[in-house]
C-alpha atoms as a PDB file:
ATOM      1  CA  MET A   1      16.205  -7.508   8.128  1.00  0.00           C
ATOM      2  CA  LYS A   2      12.892  -5.968   8.194  1.00  0.00           C
ATOM      3  CA  SER A   3      10.847  -5.933  11.789  1.00  0.00           C
ATOM      4  CA  SER A   4       7.552  -7.766  11.745  1.00  0.00           C
ATOM      5  CA  LEU A   5       5.371  -4.045  11.449  1.00  0.00           C
ATOM      6  CA  ASP A   6       7.695  -3.361   8.366  1.00  0.00           C
ATOM      7  CA  ASN A   7       7.064  -6.654   7.052  1.00  0.00           C
ATOM      8  CA  LEU A   8       3.103  -6.306   7.583  1.00  0.00           C
ATOM      9  CA  VAL A   9       3.203  -2.738   5.928  1.00  0.00           C
ATOM     10  CA  GLU A  10       4.661  -4.306   3.117  1.00  0.00           C
ATOM     11  CA  ILE A  11       2.288  -7.270   2.804  1.00  0.00           C
ATOM     12  CA  SER A  12      -0.952  -5.045   3.141  1.00  0.00           C
ATOM     13  CA  MET A  13       0.452  -2.752   0.288  1.00  0.00           C
ATOM     14  CA  LEU A  14       1.073  -5.704  -1.692  1.00  0.00           C
ATOM     15  CA  MET A  15      -2.051  -7.232  -1.062  1.00  0.00           C
ATOM     16  CA  ASP A  16      -4.107  -3.473  -1.897  1.00  0.00           C
ATOM     17  CA  PHE A  17      -2.020  -3.889  -5.543  1.00  0.00           C
ATOM     18  CA  TYR A  18      -2.174  -7.512  -6.236  1.00  0.00           C
ATOM     19  CA  GLY A  19      -4.192  -9.500  -3.624  1.00  0.00           C
ATOM     20  CA  ALA A  20      -7.381  -9.801  -6.355  1.00  0.00           C
ATOM     21  CA  LEU A  21      -4.204 -12.200  -8.402  1.00  0.00           C
ATOM     22  CA  LEU A  22      -4.060 -14.666  -5.720  1.00  0.00           C
ATOM     23  CA  SER A  23      -6.443 -17.443  -5.192  1.00  0.00           C
ATOM     24  CA  GLU A  24      -9.253 -17.245  -2.875  1.00  0.00           C
ATOM     25  CA  ARG A  25      -7.658 -19.225  -0.649  1.00  0.00           C
ATOM     26  CA  GLN A  26      -4.579 -17.477  -0.520  1.00  0.00           C
ATOM     27  CA  GLN A  27      -6.133 -14.301   0.277  1.00  0.00           C
ATOM     28  CA  GLN A  28      -8.078 -15.668   2.938  1.00  0.00           C
ATOM     29  CA  ILE A  29      -5.103 -16.937   4.385  1.00  0.00           C
ATOM     30  CA  VAL A  30      -2.795 -13.856   3.851  1.00  0.00           C
ATOM     31  CA  THR A  31      -5.831 -11.867   5.442  1.00  0.00           C
ATOM     32  CA  LEU A  32      -6.307 -13.859   8.558  1.00  0.00           C
ATOM     33  CA  TYR A  33      -2.757 -13.699   9.013  1.00  0.00           C
ATOM     34  CA  HIS A  34      -1.532 -10.148   8.663  1.00  0.00           C
ATOM     35  CA  GLU A  35      -4.502  -8.209   9.249  1.00  0.00           C
ATOM     36  CA  GLU A  36      -6.707 -10.243  11.386  1.00  0.00           C
ATOM     37  CA  ASN A  37      -3.346 -11.666  13.457  1.00  0.00           C
ATOM     38  CA  CYS A  38      -4.655 -15.051  13.566  1.00  0.00           C
ATOM     39  CA  SER A  39      -1.824 -17.678  14.228  1.00  0.00           C
ATOM     40  CA  LEU A  40      -1.331 -20.308  11.884  1.00  0.00           C
ATOM     41  CA  GLN A  41      -3.127 -22.786  14.455  1.00  0.00           C
ATOM     42  CA  GLU A  42      -6.011 -20.709  14.485  1.00  0.00           C
ATOM     43  CA  ILE A  43      -6.385 -20.277  10.333  1.00  0.00           C
ATOM     44  CA  SER A  44      -5.543 -24.028  10.483  1.00  0.00           C
ATOM     45  CA  GLU A  45      -8.549 -24.885  12.392  1.00  0.00           C
ATOM     46  CA  GLU A  46     -10.799 -22.278  10.640  1.00  0.00           C
ATOM     47  CA  LEU A  47      -9.981 -23.826   7.414  1.00  0.00           C
ATOM     48  CA  GLY A  48      -9.493 -27.159   8.123  1.00  0.00           C
ATOM     49  CA  VAL A  49      -5.913 -27.488   6.680  1.00  0.00           C
ATOM     50  CA  SER A  50      -2.821 -28.629   8.498  1.00  0.00           C
ATOM     51  CA  ARG A  51      -0.846 -26.288  10.495  1.00  0.00           C
ATOM     52  CA  GLN A  52       1.995 -26.663   7.702  1.00  0.00           C
ATOM     53  CA  GLY A  53      -0.438 -26.332   4.822  1.00  0.00           C
ATOM     54  CA  VAL A  54      -1.089 -23.189   6.012  1.00  0.00           C
ATOM     55  CA  HIS A  55       2.203 -22.289   6.449  1.00  0.00           C
ATOM     56  CA  GLU A  56       3.042 -23.321   3.066  1.00  0.00           C
ATOM     57  CA  ALA A  57       0.144 -21.328   1.725  1.00  0.00           C
ATOM     58  CA  LEU A  58       1.002 -18.507   3.116  1.00  0.00           C
ATOM     59  CA  LYS A  59       5.047 -18.303   1.959  1.00  0.00           C
ATOM     60  CA  LYS A  60       3.397 -19.291  -1.198  1.00  0.00           C
ATOM     61  CA  ALA A  61       1.548 -16.418  -1.154  1.00  0.00           C
ATOM     62  CA  GLU A  62       3.681 -13.837   0.052  1.00  0.00           C
ATOM     63  CA  LYS A  63       6.147 -15.075  -2.586  1.00  0.00           C
ATOM     64  CA  SER A  64       3.708 -14.350  -5.761  1.00  0.00           C
ATOM     65  CA  LEU A  65       2.963 -10.896  -4.036  1.00  0.00           C
ATOM     66  CA  ARG A  66       6.569  -9.987  -4.199  1.00  0.00           C
ATOM     67  CA  ASP A  67       7.259 -11.609  -7.783  1.00  0.00           C
ATOM     68  CA  TYR A  68       4.705  -9.368  -8.749  1.00  0.00           C
ATOM     69  CA  GLU A  69       5.798  -6.368  -7.734  1.00  0.00           C
ATOM     70  CA  ALA A  70       9.097  -7.172  -8.727  1.00  0.00           C
ATOM     71  CA  LYS A  71       7.803  -7.662 -12.519  1.00  0.00           C
ATOM     72  CA  LEU A  72       4.986  -4.716 -12.187  1.00  0.00           C
ATOM     73  CA  GLY A  73       6.299  -2.251  -9.867  1.00  0.00           C
ATOM     74  CA  LEU A  74       2.993  -0.552  -8.728  1.00  0.00           C
ATOM     75  CA  VAL A  75       3.859  -0.047  -5.176  1.00  0.00           C
ATOM     76  CA  VAL A  76       7.058   1.560  -5.984  1.00  0.00           C
ATOM     77  CA  ARG A  77       5.784   3.818  -8.611  1.00  0.00           C
ATOM     78  CA  PHE A  78       2.942   4.401  -5.951  1.00  0.00           C
ATOM     79  CA  GLN A  79       4.926   5.690  -3.295  1.00  0.00           C
ATOM     80  CA  SER A  80       6.969   7.916  -6.046  1.00  0.00           C
ATOM     81  CA  GLN A  81       3.780   9.610  -6.931  1.00  0.00           C
ATOM     82  CA  GLU A  82       3.140  10.012  -3.270  1.00  0.00           C
ATOM     83  CA  GLN A  83       6.725  11.684  -2.892  1.00  0.00           C
ATOM     84  CA  VAL A  84       6.292  14.119  -5.552  1.00  0.00           C
ATOM     85  CA  LEU A  85       2.501  14.843  -4.581  1.00  0.00           C
ATOM     86  CA  HIS A  86       3.718  15.744  -0.721  1.00  0.00           C
ATOM     87  CA  SER A  87       6.754  17.497  -2.192  1.00  0.00           C
ATOM     88  CA  ALA A  88       4.638  19.475  -4.887  1.00  0.00           C
ATOM     89  CA  ARG A  89       2.478  20.400  -1.523  1.00  0.00           C
ATOM     90  CA  GLU A  90       4.988  21.634   0.389  1.00  0.00           C
ATOM     91  CA  SER A  91       6.107  23.806  -2.230  1.00  0.00           C
ATOM     92  CA  VAL A  92       2.811  25.340  -3.186  1.00  0.00           C
ATOM     93  CA  ASN A  93       2.416  25.910   0.582  1.00  0.00           C
ATOM     94  CA  ALA A  94       5.898  27.943   1.177  1.00  0.00           C
ATOM     95  CA  LEU A  95       4.752  29.828  -1.918  1.00  0.00           C
ATOM     96  CA  LEU A  96       1.394  30.880  -0.553  1.00  0.00           C
ATOM     97  CA  ALA A  97       2.676  32.190   3.305  1.00  0.00           C
ATOM     98  CA  ASP A  98       5.250  34.615   1.131  1.00  0.00           C
ATOM     99  CA  CYS A  99       2.338  35.462  -1.492  1.00  0.00           C
ATOM    100  CA  GLY A 100       1.136  39.076  -1.321  1.00  0.00           C
ATOM    101  CA  ASP A 101      -0.195  38.793  -5.014  1.00  0.00           C
ATOM    102  CA  PRO A 102      -3.750  37.787  -5.059  1.00  0.00           C
ATOM    103  CA  LYS A 103      -3.556  36.459  -8.409  1.00  0.00           C
ATOM    104  CA  VAL A 104      -0.777  34.226  -8.069  1.00  0.00           C
ATOM    105  CA  ARG A 105      -2.406  33.496  -4.511  1.00  0.00           C
ATOM    106  CA  GLN A 106      -5.194  32.391  -6.764  1.00  0.00           C
ATOM    107  CA  GLY A 107      -3.562  30.610  -9.198  1.00  0.00           C
ATOM    108  CA  LEU A 108      -1.381  28.718  -6.325  1.00  0.00           C
ATOM    109  CA  LEU A 109      -4.716  27.755  -4.761  1.00  0.00           C
ATOM    110  CA  ALA A 110      -5.804  26.360  -7.838  1.00  0.00           C
ATOM    111  CA  LEU A 111      -2.795  24.187  -7.989  1.00  0.00           C
ATOM    112  CA  LYS A 112      -3.000  22.824  -4.634  1.00  0.00           C
ATOM    113  CA  ASN A 113      -6.894  22.089  -4.950  1.00  0.00           C
ATOM    114  CA  ASP A 114      -5.422  20.124  -8.339  1.00  0.00           C
ATOM    115  CA  ILE A 115      -2.694  18.032  -6.243  1.00  0.00           C
ATOM    116  CA  ASP A 116      -5.524  17.019  -3.934  1.00  0.00           C
ATOM    117  CA  SER A 117      -7.556  16.035  -6.718  1.00  0.00           C
ATOM    118  CA  ILE A 118      -4.402  14.225  -7.781  1.00  0.00           C
ATOM    119  CA  GLU A 119      -4.206  12.764  -4.279  1.00  0.00           C
ATOM    120  CA  GLU A 120      -7.767  11.543  -4.116  1.00  0.00           C
ATOM    121  CA  GLN A 121      -7.315   9.601  -7.356  1.00  0.00           C
ATOM    122  CA  VAL A 122      -4.237   7.908  -6.371  1.00  0.00           C
END
């Protein structure tokens, strides 16, 4: 079973990738609940909707986000790319630590800069 922190991280990642696919109201509810830590009652009062309505909209939005991920897999792909980049960075750093050849060192530094550039884009 996921902890509330794991759920918060999951929903945050899903919102980053798929949030724009939700209705404005769903986006607002998810943001208020997960990012601003508002209670269902507080959201209900702010939006003028019943607490039950907020709860149902939140669950529906979370299900939609998970469904998008199940079909498209963008978060999993992103996390995989992050792991590959991290591994590449560690390998380059290890090689740099042992490298005495200036030309090879220059090439490794260029490779490290390329990895940094890719990470900024991802």
